[in-house]
Amino acid sequence: MVKDLLNKGAILQRDKCSYAIVPQTPAGIISPGELQRIVDVARKYGVEVLKFTSAQRIAIVGLKEEDLDNAWLELEMEPASAIGKCVRSIKVCPGTTFCKRAQQDAVSLGSIIDDKYHGVQLPSKFKMAVSGCMNSCSEPAVKDIGIMGTPRGYTVMVGGNAGIRPRLGDVISEGLNETEVLELIEKIIGIYKGYAKRYRIGRLIDDMGLDNFKKELGLI
């Protein structure tokens, strides 16, 4: 049976014979040179479609199995963790780096989180997002960990997800600086590793109760 080729970062497509690969683009930012290499690879190997994903990545869709190794070699980019039980690419808004409405530096914080956690194996898929203001363009309320910028610092939400049974994240702390956010993320992931079975962290919170979860974190 034909399957995804995880060791090559390749996702089997609906036709059961071609693959998509997704280069990692931390914080959804890509240089002109990287973008040109993606275009060059697509044209060289007969790819007709490039797909922008909801996680701010570019999927190269329709590659043949025999072209995968050379495609990655020519891209000079690392594969994104697009599937599997791991931390996916961190979704990040433009923040104060680019956006006139932003109140916090989402790009800086999101890049640090991505560099530390992207691809880390966990009991289930794990999504995080950082927004620079309360407009929440990166959708932090529906992520396993969502971080939202405010004039007073960052608000941290946990347990959000979309999908078949959508759940809004629970606010567990407010007014944090960047260092405090990173320390809290480390604690959250540590608890999740220790408790969870094969389900998302929102279900773990529902099973434990929010107050008990916050006690584990030392927040109450």
N, C-alpha and C. Protein backbone atom coordinates (compact mmCIF):
# COMPACT_ATOMS: atom_id res chain seq x y z
N MET A 1 0.84 -1.20 0.00
CA MET A 1 0.00 0.00 0.00
C MET A 1 0.88 1.25 0.00
N VAL A 2 0.58 2.16 -0.90
CA VAL A 2 1.35 3.40 -0.99
C VAL A 2 0.98 4.31 0.18
N LYS A 3 1.99 4.90 0.82
CA LYS A 3 1.76 5.73 2.00
C LYS A 3 2.58 7.01 1.92
N ASP A 4 2.35 7.89 2.92
CA ASP A 4 3.21 9.05 3.08
C ASP A 4 4.65 8.58 3.29
N LEU A 5 5.60 9.34 2.81
CA LEU A 5 7.01 9.03 3.00
C LEU A 5 7.58 10.03 4.00
N LEU A 6 7.39 9.73 5.28
CA LEU A 6 7.75 10.69 6.32
C LEU A 6 9.24 10.98 6.34
N ASN A 7 10.06 9.99 6.00
CA ASN A 7 11.51 10.21 6.01
C ASN A 7 11.95 11.16 4.90
N LYS A 8 11.08 11.39 3.94
CA LYS A 8 11.37 12.34 2.87
C LYS A 8 10.49 13.59 2.96
N GLY A 9 9.73 13.70 4.05
CA GLY A 9 8.85 14.86 4.21
C GLY A 9 7.81 14.95 3.11
N ALA A 10 7.32 13.80 2.63
CA ALA A 10 6.44 13.77 1.47
C ALA A 10 5.07 13.22 1.84
N ILE A 11 4.03 13.91 1.42
CA ILE A 11 2.65 13.54 1.74
C ILE A 11 1.97 13.02 0.48
N LEU A 12 1.49 11.79 0.55
CA LEU A 12 0.81 11.18 -0.59
C LEU A 12 -0.45 11.97 -0.94
N GLN A 13 -0.66 12.18 -2.23
CA GLN A 13 -1.81 12.95 -2.69
C GLN A 13 -2.99 12.05 -3.07
N ARG A 14 -4.08 12.66 -3.41
CA ARG A 14 -5.33 11.94 -3.67
C ARG A 14 -5.20 10.94 -4.82
N ASP A 15 -4.31 11.24 -5.78
CA ASP A 15 -4.15 10.33 -6.92
C ASP A 15 -3.39 9.06 -6.57
N LYS A 16 -2.87 8.98 -5.33
CA LYS A 16 -2.16 7.80 -4.81
C LYS A 16 -0.84 7.51 -5.53
N CYS A 17 -0.34 8.48 -6.26
CA CYS A 17 0.94 8.24 -6.93
C CYS A 17 1.87 9.45 -6.90
N SER A 18 1.36 10.62 -6.58
CA SER A 18 2.21 11.80 -6.49
C SER A 18 2.25 12.30 -5.04
N TYR A 19 3.21 13.19 -4.78
CA TYR A 19 3.45 13.64 -3.41
C TYR A 19 3.53 15.17 -3.33
N ALA A 20 3.24 15.67 -2.15
CA ALA A 20 3.47 17.08 -1.84
C ALA A 20 4.58 17.17 -0.80
N ILE A 21 5.43 18.16 -0.95
CA ILE A 21 6.42 18.46 0.09
C ILE A 21 6.22 19.90 0.54
N VAL A 22 6.57 20.15 1.80
CA VAL A 22 6.31 21.46 2.39
C VAL A 22 7.57 21.97 3.07
N PRO A 23 8.30 22.87 2.44
CA PRO A 23 9.49 23.43 3.10
C PRO A 23 9.10 24.25 4.33
N GLN A 24 9.95 24.22 5.32
CA GLN A 24 9.71 24.99 6.53
C GLN A 24 9.98 26.47 6.29
N THR A 25 9.01 27.30 6.65
CA THR A 25 9.15 28.76 6.54
C THR A 25 8.82 29.36 7.91
N PRO A 26 9.79 29.43 8.81
CA PRO A 26 9.53 29.90 10.17
C PRO A 26 8.84 31.26 10.20
N ALA A 27 7.80 31.36 11.02
CA ALA A 27 7.01 32.59 11.19
C ALA A 27 6.31 33.01 9.89
N GLY A 28 6.25 32.11 8.92
CA GLY A 28 5.59 32.44 7.66
C GLY A 28 6.36 33.44 6.82
N ILE A 29 7.66 33.55 7.08
CA ILE A 29 8.50 34.53 6.37
C ILE A 29 9.46 33.79 5.46
N ILE A 30 9.57 34.27 4.23
CA ILE A 30 10.43 33.61 3.24
C ILE A 30 11.19 34.67 2.46
N SER A 31 12.43 34.38 2.14
CA SER A 31 13.24 35.34 1.38
C SER A 31 12.95 35.20 -0.11
N PRO A 32 13.24 36.24 -0.90
CA PRO A 32 13.07 36.12 -2.35
C PRO A 32 13.87 34.96 -2.94
N GLY A 33 15.08 34.71 -2.40
CA GLY A 33 15.89 33.61 -2.90
C GLY A 33 15.24 32.26 -2.65
N GLU A 34 14.69 32.08 -1.45
CA GLU A 34 14.00 30.82 -1.14
C GLU A 34 12.77 30.64 -2.01
N LEU A 35 12.04 31.73 -2.20
CA LEU A 35 10.84 31.66 -3.04
C LEU A 35 11.21 31.30 -4.48
N GLN A 36 12.30 31.86 -4.96
CA GLN A 36 12.74 31.55 -6.32
C GLN A 36 13.13 30.08 -6.46
N ARG A 37 13.78 29.52 -5.43
CA ARG A 37 14.15 28.11 -5.49
C ARG A 37 12.92 27.22 -5.51
N ILE A 38 11.89 27.59 -4.76
CA ILE A 38 10.64 26.83 -4.79
C ILE A 38 10.05 26.84 -6.20
N VAL A 39 10.03 28.01 -6.82
CA VAL A 39 9.51 28.12 -8.19
C VAL A 39 10.36 27.31 -9.16
N ASP A 40 11.67 27.39 -9.01
CA ASP A 40 12.57 26.66 -9.91
C ASP A 40 12.35 25.15 -9.80
N VAL A 41 12.22 24.65 -8.57
CA VAL A 41 11.99 23.22 -8.37
C VAL A 41 10.65 22.81 -8.96
N ALA A 42 9.64 23.61 -8.73
CA ALA A 42 8.31 23.29 -9.26
C ALA A 42 8.34 23.19 -10.79
N ARG A 43 8.98 24.14 -11.42
CA ARG A 43 9.04 24.13 -12.89
C ARG A 43 9.88 22.97 -13.42
N LYS A 44 11.00 22.71 -12.75
CA LYS A 44 11.89 21.66 -13.23
C LYS A 44 11.23 20.29 -13.18
N TYR A 45 10.43 20.04 -12.13
CA TYR A 45 9.86 18.70 -11.95
C TYR A 45 8.38 18.63 -12.33
N GLY A 46 7.93 19.57 -13.13
CA GLY A 46 6.60 19.49 -13.72
C GLY A 46 5.45 19.72 -12.77
N VAL A 47 5.70 20.46 -11.70
CA VAL A 47 4.64 20.75 -10.74
C VAL A 47 3.76 21.87 -11.28
N GLU A 48 2.46 21.65 -11.26
CA GLU A 48 1.53 22.63 -11.81
C GLU A 48 0.92 23.53 -10.74
N VAL A 49 1.01 23.12 -9.46
CA VAL A 49 0.32 23.85 -8.40
C VAL A 49 1.22 24.04 -7.19
N LEU A 50 1.23 25.26 -6.67
CA LEU A 50 1.80 25.56 -5.35
C LEU A 50 0.64 25.98 -4.46
N LYS A 51 0.56 25.39 -3.26
CA LYS A 51 -0.59 25.64 -2.38
C LYS A 51 -0.14 26.34 -1.11
N PHE A 52 -0.71 27.52 -0.84
CA PHE A 52 -0.48 28.17 0.45
C PHE A 52 -1.31 27.46 1.50
N THR A 53 -0.67 27.01 2.58
CA THR A 53 -1.37 26.26 3.61
C THR A 53 -1.86 27.19 4.72
N SER A 54 -2.73 26.66 5.56
CA SER A 54 -3.26 27.46 6.68
C SER A 54 -2.19 27.73 7.73
N ALA A 55 -1.08 27.01 7.67
CA ALA A 55 0.02 27.20 8.62
C ALA A 55 1.13 28.07 8.05
N GLN A 56 0.81 28.87 7.03
CA GLN A 56 1.76 29.84 6.45
C GLN A 56 2.95 29.16 5.79
N ARG A 57 2.68 28.07 5.10
CA ARG A 57 3.73 27.38 4.36
C ARG A 57 3.32 27.30 2.89
N ILE A 58 4.26 26.89 2.05
CA ILE A 58 3.98 26.69 0.63
C ILE A 58 4.19 25.22 0.31
N ALA A 59 3.12 24.54 -0.07
CA ALA A 59 3.20 23.13 -0.44
C ALA A 59 3.47 23.01 -1.94
N ILE A 60 4.47 22.20 -2.26
CA ILE A 60 4.79 21.90 -3.66
C ILE A 60 4.08 20.59 -3.99
N VAL A 61 3.03 20.67 -4.78
CA VAL A 61 2.09 19.57 -4.95
C VAL A 61 2.28 18.89 -6.31
N GLY A 62 2.41 17.55 -6.29
CA GLY A 62 2.43 16.80 -7.54
C GLY A 62 3.79 16.27 -7.95
N LEU A 63 4.68 16.06 -6.98
CA LEU A 63 6.01 15.53 -7.29
C LEU A 63 5.98 14.01 -7.41
N LYS A 64 6.82 13.48 -8.27
CA LYS A 64 6.99 12.03 -8.37
C LYS A 64 7.95 11.56 -7.28
N GLU A 65 7.77 10.32 -6.85
CA GLU A 65 8.62 9.79 -5.78
C GLU A 65 10.10 9.85 -6.14
N GLU A 66 10.41 9.56 -7.39
CA GLU A 66 11.82 9.52 -7.79
C GLU A 66 12.47 10.90 -7.83
N ASP A 67 11.66 11.96 -7.74
CA ASP A 67 12.21 13.32 -7.79
C ASP A 67 12.34 13.96 -6.40
N LEU A 68 11.88 13.28 -5.37
CA LEU A 68 11.82 13.89 -4.05
C LEU A 68 13.20 14.27 -3.50
N ASP A 69 14.15 13.36 -3.59
CA ASP A 69 15.48 13.63 -3.02
C ASP A 69 16.14 14.83 -3.70
N ASN A 70 16.08 14.86 -5.01
CA ASN A 70 16.70 15.98 -5.73
C ASN A 70 15.96 17.29 -5.47
N ALA A 71 14.65 17.21 -5.33
CA ALA A 71 13.87 18.43 -5.05
C ALA A 71 14.32 19.05 -3.73
N TRP A 72 14.47 18.23 -2.69
CA TRP A 72 14.92 18.76 -1.40
C TRP A 72 16.34 19.29 -1.49
N LEU A 73 17.18 18.59 -2.22
CA LEU A 73 18.57 19.03 -2.36
C LEU A 73 18.64 20.41 -3.01
N GLU A 74 17.83 20.62 -4.02
CA GLU A 74 17.85 21.88 -4.75
C GLU A 74 17.13 23.01 -4.01
N LEU A 75 16.18 22.66 -3.16
CA LEU A 75 15.49 23.68 -2.37
C LEU A 75 16.41 24.31 -1.32
N GLU A 76 17.32 23.50 -0.77
CA GLU A 76 18.21 23.95 0.32
C GLU A 76 17.39 24.46 1.51
N MET A 77 16.28 23.78 1.79
CA MET A 77 15.40 24.13 2.90
C MET A 77 15.04 22.86 3.66
N GLU A 78 14.69 23.03 4.93
CA GLU A 78 14.30 21.89 5.75
C GLU A 78 12.81 21.59 5.58
N PRO A 79 12.41 20.31 5.71
CA PRO A 79 10.98 19.99 5.64
C PRO A 79 10.23 20.53 6.86
N ALA A 80 9.02 21.00 6.64
CA ALA A 80 8.15 21.38 7.75
C ALA A 80 7.51 20.12 8.33
N SER A 81 7.18 20.18 9.61
CA SER A 81 6.46 19.07 10.24
C SER A 81 4.97 19.27 9.98
N ALA A 82 4.53 18.81 8.81
CA ALA A 82 3.16 19.06 8.36
C ALA A 82 2.19 17.99 8.82
N ILE A 83 2.69 16.81 9.18
CA ILE A 83 1.84 15.72 9.66
C ILE A 83 2.55 15.02 10.81
N GLY A 84 1.82 14.15 11.50
CA GLY A 84 2.43 13.38 12.58
C GLY A 84 2.16 13.95 13.95
N LYS A 85 2.54 13.19 14.97
CA LYS A 85 2.31 13.57 16.37
C LYS A 85 3.47 14.42 16.86
N CYS A 86 3.40 15.69 16.53
CA CYS A 86 4.51 16.57 16.85
C CYS A 86 4.04 18.02 16.83
N VAL A 87 4.93 18.91 17.23
CA VAL A 87 4.64 20.34 17.16
C VAL A 87 4.75 20.79 15.71
N ARG A 88 3.67 21.34 15.20
CA ARG A 88 3.65 21.83 13.82
C ARG A 88 4.27 23.22 13.74
N SER A 89 4.38 23.75 12.55
CA SER A 89 4.93 25.10 12.36
C SER A 89 4.12 26.11 13.17
N ILE A 90 4.81 27.05 13.79
CA ILE A 90 4.14 28.05 14.61
C ILE A 90 3.54 29.12 13.70
N LYS A 91 2.25 29.38 13.86
CA LYS A 91 1.58 30.38 13.04
C LYS A 91 1.75 31.76 13.68
N VAL A 92 2.22 32.72 12.90
CA VAL A 92 2.63 34.01 13.46
C VAL A 92 2.07 35.15 12.60
N CYS A 93 1.53 36.17 13.26
CA CYS A 93 1.08 37.36 12.53
C CYS A 93 2.28 38.29 12.29
N PRO A 94 2.12 39.38 11.53
CA PRO A 94 3.26 40.26 11.24
C PRO A 94 3.83 40.98 12.46
N GLY A 95 3.03 41.14 13.53
CA GLY A 95 3.54 41.76 14.74
C GLY A 95 4.10 43.16 14.53
N THR A 96 4.84 43.64 15.51
CA THR A 96 5.41 44.98 15.41
C THR A 96 6.52 45.08 14.36
N THR A 97 6.96 43.94 13.84
CA THR A 97 7.96 43.96 12.77
C THR A 97 7.40 44.62 11.52
N PHE A 98 6.10 44.40 11.26
CA PHE A 98 5.50 44.88 10.02
C PHE A 98 4.17 45.63 10.20
N CYS A 99 3.39 45.28 11.19
CA CYS A 99 2.00 45.74 11.26
C CYS A 99 1.82 46.98 12.13
N LYS A 100 1.13 47.98 11.62
CA LYS A 100 0.91 49.23 12.36
C LYS A 100 -0.04 49.05 13.54
N ARG A 101 -0.82 47.97 13.56
CA ARG A 101 -1.77 47.74 14.65
C ARG A 101 -1.19 46.89 15.78
N ALA A 102 -0.07 46.27 15.54
CA ALA A 102 0.49 45.33 16.52
C ALA A 102 0.92 46.03 17.80
N GLN A 103 0.81 45.29 18.89
CA GLN A 103 1.21 45.80 20.20
C GLN A 103 2.37 45.02 20.81
N GLN A 104 2.67 43.85 20.22
CA GLN A 104 3.79 43.03 20.69
C GLN A 104 4.53 42.44 19.49
N ASP A 105 5.76 42.01 19.73
CA ASP A 105 6.63 41.50 18.66
C ASP A 105 6.37 40.01 18.44
N ALA A 106 5.32 39.71 17.70
CA ALA A 106 4.92 38.32 17.46
C ALA A 106 5.96 37.56 16.65
N VAL A 107 6.62 38.23 15.71
CA VAL A 107 7.60 37.55 14.86
C VAL A 107 8.79 37.07 15.68
N SER A 108 9.29 37.91 16.57
CA SER A 108 10.42 37.51 17.41
C SER A 108 10.04 36.33 18.30
N LEU A 109 8.94 36.45 19.02
CA LEU A 109 8.53 35.38 19.93
C LEU A 109 8.18 34.11 19.17
N GLY A 110 7.43 34.25 18.08
CA GLY A 110 7.06 33.08 17.30
C GLY A 110 8.26 32.36 16.72
N SER A 111 9.26 33.11 16.30
CA SER A 111 10.47 32.50 15.74
C SER A 111 11.24 31.73 16.80
N ILE A 112 11.30 32.27 18.01
CA ILE A 112 11.98 31.57 19.11
C ILE A 112 11.25 30.25 19.41
N ILE A 113 9.93 30.32 19.48
CA ILE A 113 9.14 29.11 19.77
C ILE A 113 9.31 28.08 18.67
N ASP A 114 9.27 28.54 17.42
CA ASP A 114 9.42 27.63 16.29
C ASP A 114 10.78 26.95 16.31
N ASP A 115 11.81 27.73 16.58
CA ASP A 115 13.16 27.18 16.60
C ASP A 115 13.33 26.13 17.69
N LYS A 116 12.66 26.33 18.82
CA LYS A 116 12.82 25.40 19.95
C LYS A 116 11.93 24.17 19.85
N TYR A 117 10.71 24.34 19.33
CA TYR A 117 9.73 23.26 19.45
C TYR A 117 9.29 22.63 18.13
N HIS A 118 9.53 23.26 17.01
CA HIS A 118 9.04 22.70 15.75
C HIS A 118 9.55 21.28 15.54
N GLY A 119 8.62 20.35 15.34
CA GLY A 119 8.97 18.95 15.11
C GLY A 119 9.13 18.11 16.35
N VAL A 120 9.05 18.71 17.54
CA VAL A 120 9.18 17.94 18.78
C VAL A 120 8.04 16.93 18.89
N GLN A 121 8.37 15.69 19.20
CA GLN A 121 7.37 14.63 19.28
C GLN A 121 6.54 14.75 20.56
N LEU A 122 5.21 14.63 20.41
CA LEU A 122 4.28 14.73 21.53
C LEU A 122 3.20 13.65 21.36
N PRO A 123 2.31 13.48 22.36
CA PRO A 123 1.30 12.43 22.24
C PRO A 123 0.34 12.60 21.07
N SER A 124 0.13 13.83 20.61
CA SER A 124 -0.75 14.08 19.46
C SER A 124 -0.20 15.30 18.72
N LYS A 125 -0.82 15.64 17.61
CA LYS A 125 -0.39 16.86 16.93
C LYS A 125 -0.58 18.05 17.87
N PHE A 126 0.26 19.06 17.71
CA PHE A 126 0.27 20.17 18.65
C PHE A 126 0.52 21.45 17.87
N LYS A 127 -0.44 22.37 17.95
CA LYS A 127 -0.35 23.61 17.18
C LYS A 127 -0.24 24.81 18.11
N MET A 128 0.59 25.76 17.70
CA MET A 128 0.75 27.00 18.46
C MET A 128 0.67 28.19 17.52
N ALA A 129 0.28 29.33 18.08
CA ALA A 129 0.20 30.55 17.29
C ALA A 129 0.51 31.75 18.18
N VAL A 130 1.06 32.79 17.55
CA VAL A 130 1.35 34.04 18.25
C VAL A 130 0.76 35.19 17.45
N SER A 131 -0.03 36.02 18.12
CA SER A 131 -0.55 37.23 17.48
C SER A 131 -0.01 38.45 18.22
N GLY A 132 0.18 39.53 17.48
CA GLY A 132 0.74 40.74 18.07
C GLY A 132 -0.28 41.67 18.68
N CYS A 133 -1.57 41.38 18.47
CA CYS A 133 -2.62 42.20 19.07
C CYS A 133 -3.88 41.37 19.21
N MET A 134 -4.93 41.98 19.74
CA MET A 134 -6.16 41.24 20.03
C MET A 134 -7.00 40.96 18.79
N ASN A 135 -6.60 41.47 17.63
CA ASN A 135 -7.27 41.07 16.39
C ASN A 135 -7.03 39.59 16.08
N SER A 136 -5.95 39.06 16.62
CA SER A 136 -5.69 37.61 16.59
C SER A 136 -5.68 37.03 15.17
N CYS A 137 -4.95 37.68 14.28
CA CYS A 137 -4.91 37.23 12.89
C CYS A 137 -4.33 35.82 12.73
N SER A 138 -3.53 35.37 13.67
CA SER A 138 -2.96 34.02 13.59
C SER A 138 -3.82 32.97 14.30
N GLU A 139 -5.00 33.38 14.77
CA GLU A 139 -6.00 32.47 15.35
C GLU A 139 -5.51 31.74 16.60
N PRO A 140 -4.95 32.45 17.57
CA PRO A 140 -4.43 31.76 18.76
C PRO A 140 -5.51 31.09 19.61
N ALA A 141 -6.76 31.52 19.52
CA ALA A 141 -7.82 30.94 20.35
C ALA A 141 -8.17 29.52 19.96
N VAL A 142 -7.76 29.08 18.77
CA VAL A 142 -8.05 27.71 18.34
C VAL A 142 -6.76 26.92 18.12
N LYS A 143 -5.78 27.19 18.97
CA LYS A 143 -4.53 26.44 18.94
C LYS A 143 -4.30 25.78 20.30
N ASP A 144 -3.51 24.73 20.31
CA ASP A 144 -3.20 24.04 21.57
C ASP A 144 -2.58 25.01 22.57
N ILE A 145 -1.68 25.85 22.09
CA ILE A 145 -1.22 27.00 22.87
C ILE A 145 -1.34 28.22 21.98
N GLY A 146 -2.09 29.21 22.44
CA GLY A 146 -2.26 30.45 21.70
C GLY A 146 -1.75 31.62 22.52
N ILE A 147 -0.97 32.49 21.89
CA ILE A 147 -0.38 33.63 22.58
C ILE A 147 -0.84 34.90 21.87
N MET A 148 -1.48 35.78 22.61
CA MET A 148 -2.08 36.98 22.03
C MET A 148 -1.48 38.23 22.67
N GLY A 149 -0.98 39.13 21.84
CA GLY A 149 -0.41 40.37 22.33
C GLY A 149 -1.48 41.36 22.75
N THR A 150 -1.21 42.09 23.82
CA THR A 150 -2.08 43.17 24.30
C THR A 150 -1.18 44.34 24.70
N PRO A 151 -1.76 45.51 25.00
CA PRO A 151 -0.91 46.63 25.44
C PRO A 151 -0.14 46.32 26.73
N ARG A 152 -0.61 45.34 27.50
CA ARG A 152 0.02 45.03 28.80
C ARG A 152 0.91 43.79 28.74
N GLY A 153 1.15 43.27 27.56
CA GLY A 153 1.96 42.07 27.45
C GLY A 153 1.21 40.98 26.71
N TYR A 154 1.57 39.73 26.99
CA TYR A 154 0.96 38.61 26.28
C TYR A 154 -0.07 37.89 27.15
N THR A 155 -1.16 37.48 26.50
CA THR A 155 -2.15 36.58 27.11
C THR A 155 -1.91 35.19 26.55
N VAL A 156 -1.91 34.18 27.42
CA VAL A 156 -1.68 32.80 26.99
C VAL A 156 -2.97 32.00 27.16
N MET A 157 -3.35 31.32 26.07
CA MET A 157 -4.51 30.43 26.05
C MET A 157 -4.04 29.01 25.78
N VAL A 158 -4.73 28.04 26.35
CA VAL A 158 -4.35 26.64 26.17
C VAL A 158 -5.60 25.81 25.87
N GLY A 159 -5.44 24.82 24.99
CA GLY A 159 -6.50 23.84 24.77
C GLY A 159 -7.41 24.12 23.61
N GLY A 160 -7.08 25.08 22.78
CA GLY A 160 -7.92 25.36 21.62
C GLY A 160 -7.65 24.40 20.47
N ASN A 161 -8.65 24.19 19.67
CA ASN A 161 -8.47 23.43 18.43
C ASN A 161 -9.67 23.64 17.52
N ALA A 162 -9.46 23.44 16.24
CA ALA A 162 -10.55 23.46 15.27
C ALA A 162 -10.97 22.01 15.04
N GLY A 163 -11.31 21.65 13.83
CA GLY A 163 -11.60 20.25 13.53
C GLY A 163 -13.03 19.83 13.83
N ILE A 164 -13.23 18.53 14.01
CA ILE A 164 -14.57 17.96 14.17
C ILE A 164 -15.24 18.45 15.44
N ARG A 165 -14.46 18.58 16.51
CA ARG A 165 -14.99 19.05 17.79
C ARG A 165 -14.24 20.31 18.21
N PRO A 166 -14.60 21.46 17.63
CA PRO A 166 -13.85 22.68 17.92
C PRO A 166 -13.94 23.08 19.39
N ARG A 167 -12.87 23.68 19.86
CA ARG A 167 -12.79 24.10 21.26
C ARG A 167 -11.98 25.39 21.34
N LEU A 168 -12.51 26.39 22.03
CA LEU A 168 -11.75 27.62 22.26
C LEU A 168 -10.77 27.40 23.40
N GLY A 169 -9.60 27.98 23.27
CA GLY A 169 -8.60 27.86 24.32
C GLY A 169 -9.01 28.58 25.59
N ASP A 170 -8.56 28.06 26.72
CA ASP A 170 -8.81 28.69 28.02
C ASP A 170 -7.69 29.67 28.34
N VAL A 171 -8.05 30.87 28.74
CA VAL A 171 -7.05 31.85 29.16
C VAL A 171 -6.50 31.41 30.51
N ILE A 172 -5.17 31.25 30.59
CA ILE A 172 -4.58 30.80 31.85
C ILE A 172 -3.64 31.84 32.46
N SER A 173 -3.21 32.83 31.67
CA SER A 173 -2.34 33.85 32.24
C SER A 173 -2.34 35.08 31.33
N GLU A 174 -2.16 36.26 31.93
CA GLU A 174 -2.19 37.51 31.17
C GLU A 174 -1.06 38.43 31.61
N GLY A 175 -0.74 39.38 30.75
CA GLY A 175 0.25 40.40 31.08
C GLY A 175 1.67 39.87 31.18
N LEU A 176 2.00 38.83 30.41
CA LEU A 176 3.33 38.22 30.50
C LEU A 176 4.31 38.87 29.53
N ASN A 177 5.58 38.85 29.89
CA ASN A 177 6.61 39.26 28.94
C ASN A 177 7.10 38.03 28.17
N GLU A 178 8.01 38.25 27.23
CA GLU A 178 8.46 37.15 26.36
C GLU A 178 9.07 36.00 27.16
N THR A 179 9.92 36.32 28.12
CA THR A 179 10.57 35.29 28.92
C THR A 179 9.55 34.47 29.70
N GLU A 180 8.56 35.15 30.28
CA GLU A 180 7.53 34.45 31.05
C GLU A 180 6.68 33.55 30.16
N VAL A 181 6.41 33.99 28.94
CA VAL A 181 5.66 33.15 28.00
C VAL A 181 6.44 31.88 27.70
N LEU A 182 7.71 32.01 27.42
CA LEU A 182 8.54 30.85 27.08
C LEU A 182 8.63 29.87 28.25
N GLU A 183 8.73 30.39 29.45
CA GLU A 183 8.77 29.52 30.63
C GLU A 183 7.45 28.77 30.81
N LEU A 184 6.34 29.46 30.55
CA LEU A 184 5.02 28.84 30.69
C LEU A 184 4.80 27.77 29.62
N ILE A 185 5.23 28.03 28.40
CA ILE A 185 5.11 27.02 27.34
C ILE A 185 5.86 25.75 27.73
N GLU A 186 7.06 25.92 28.26
CA GLU A 186 7.85 24.75 28.66
C GLU A 186 7.12 23.92 29.72
N LYS A 187 6.49 24.59 30.67
CA LYS A 187 5.73 23.87 31.70
C LYS A 187 4.52 23.16 31.11
N ILE A 188 3.81 23.83 30.22
CA ILE A 188 2.61 23.24 29.60
C ILE A 188 2.97 21.98 28.84
N ILE A 189 4.00 22.06 28.03
CA ILE A 189 4.40 20.90 27.23
C ILE A 189 4.91 19.78 28.14
N GLY A 190 5.58 20.12 29.22
CA GLY A 190 6.02 19.11 30.16
C GLY A 190 4.86 18.35 30.78
N ILE A 191 3.81 19.07 31.17
CA ILE A 191 2.63 18.43 31.73
C ILE A 191 1.95 17.55 30.69
N TYR A 192 1.84 18.07 29.48
CA TYR A 192 1.18 17.32 28.40
C TYR A 192 1.92 16.01 28.13
N LYS A 193 3.22 16.06 28.10
CA LYS A 193 4.00 14.84 27.88
C LYS A 193 3.75 13.82 28.99
N GLY A 194 3.62 14.31 30.22
CA GLY A 194 3.48 13.41 31.35
C GLY A 194 2.12 12.79 31.52
N TYR A 195 1.07 13.48 31.05
CA TYR A 195 -0.29 13.02 31.31
C TYR A 195 -1.00 12.43 30.09
N ALA A 196 -0.84 13.07 28.96
CA ALA A 196 -1.75 12.81 27.84
C ALA A 196 -1.53 11.46 27.20
N LYS A 197 -2.63 10.93 26.71
CA LYS A 197 -2.57 9.77 25.85
C LYS A 197 -2.62 10.29 24.42
N ARG A 198 -3.31 9.62 23.54
CA ARG A 198 -3.29 10.04 22.14
C ARG A 198 -4.43 11.01 21.84
N TYR A 199 -4.46 12.12 22.55
CA TYR A 199 -5.45 13.14 22.24
C TYR A 199 -4.89 14.52 22.54
N ARG A 200 -5.61 15.53 22.06
CA ARG A 200 -5.14 16.91 22.15
C ARG A 200 -5.19 17.42 23.58
N ILE A 201 -4.44 18.48 23.83
CA ILE A 201 -4.32 18.99 25.20
C ILE A 201 -5.64 19.56 25.73
N GLY A 202 -6.52 20.02 24.84
CA GLY A 202 -7.82 20.50 25.29
C GLY A 202 -8.62 19.41 25.99
N ARG A 203 -8.53 18.21 25.47
CA ARG A 203 -9.23 17.10 26.11
C ARG A 203 -8.60 16.76 27.46
N LEU A 204 -7.29 16.88 27.55
CA LEU A 204 -6.62 16.66 28.83
C LEU A 204 -7.12 17.66 29.87
N ILE A 205 -7.26 18.92 29.47
CA ILE A 205 -7.77 19.95 30.38
C ILE A 205 -9.20 19.62 30.80
N ASP A 206 -10.02 19.18 29.85
CA ASP A 206 -11.40 18.81 30.19
C ASP A 206 -11.43 17.64 31.18
N ASP A 207 -10.53 16.68 31.00
CA ASP A 207 -10.48 15.53 31.91
C ASP A 207 -9.99 15.94 33.31
N MET A 208 -8.98 16.79 33.36
CA MET A 208 -8.39 17.20 34.63
C MET A 208 -9.22 18.26 35.34
N GLY A 209 -9.83 19.13 34.55
CA GLY A 209 -10.44 20.35 35.09
C GLY A 209 -9.45 21.49 34.97
N LEU A 210 -9.93 22.66 34.56
CA LEU A 210 -9.03 23.78 34.31
C LEU A 210 -8.27 24.20 35.56
N ASP A 211 -8.94 24.24 36.70
CA ASP A 211 -8.26 24.66 37.93
C ASP A 211 -7.13 23.69 38.30
N ASN A 212 -7.38 22.40 38.13
CA ASN A 212 -6.32 21.42 38.43
C ASN A 212 -5.15 21.58 37.47
N PHE A 213 -5.47 21.86 36.21
CA PHE A 213 -4.40 22.08 35.23
C PHE A 213 -3.57 23.30 35.61
N LYS A 214 -4.24 24.37 36.02
CA LYS A 214 -3.52 25.59 36.42
C LYS A 214 -2.70 25.36 37.69
N LYS A 215 -3.20 24.52 38.58
CA LYS A 215 -2.43 24.18 39.78
C LYS A 215 -1.14 23.45 39.41
N GLU A 216 -1.24 22.54 38.44
CA GLU A 216 -0.05 21.83 37.98
C GLU A 216 1.00 22.80 37.45
N LEU A 217 0.53 23.89 36.86
CA LEU A 217 1.43 24.90 36.30
C LEU A 217 1.93 25.89 37.36
N GLY A 218 1.36 25.81 38.55
CA GLY A 218 1.74 26.74 39.60
C GLY A 218 1.11 28.11 39.44
N LEU A 219 -0.03 28.17 38.72
CA LEU A 219 -0.68 29.46 38.48
C LEU A 219 -1.71 29.80 39.54
N ILE A 220 -2.18 28.79 40.28
CA ILE A 220 -3.11 29.04 41.39
C ILE A 220 -2.73 28.12 42.56
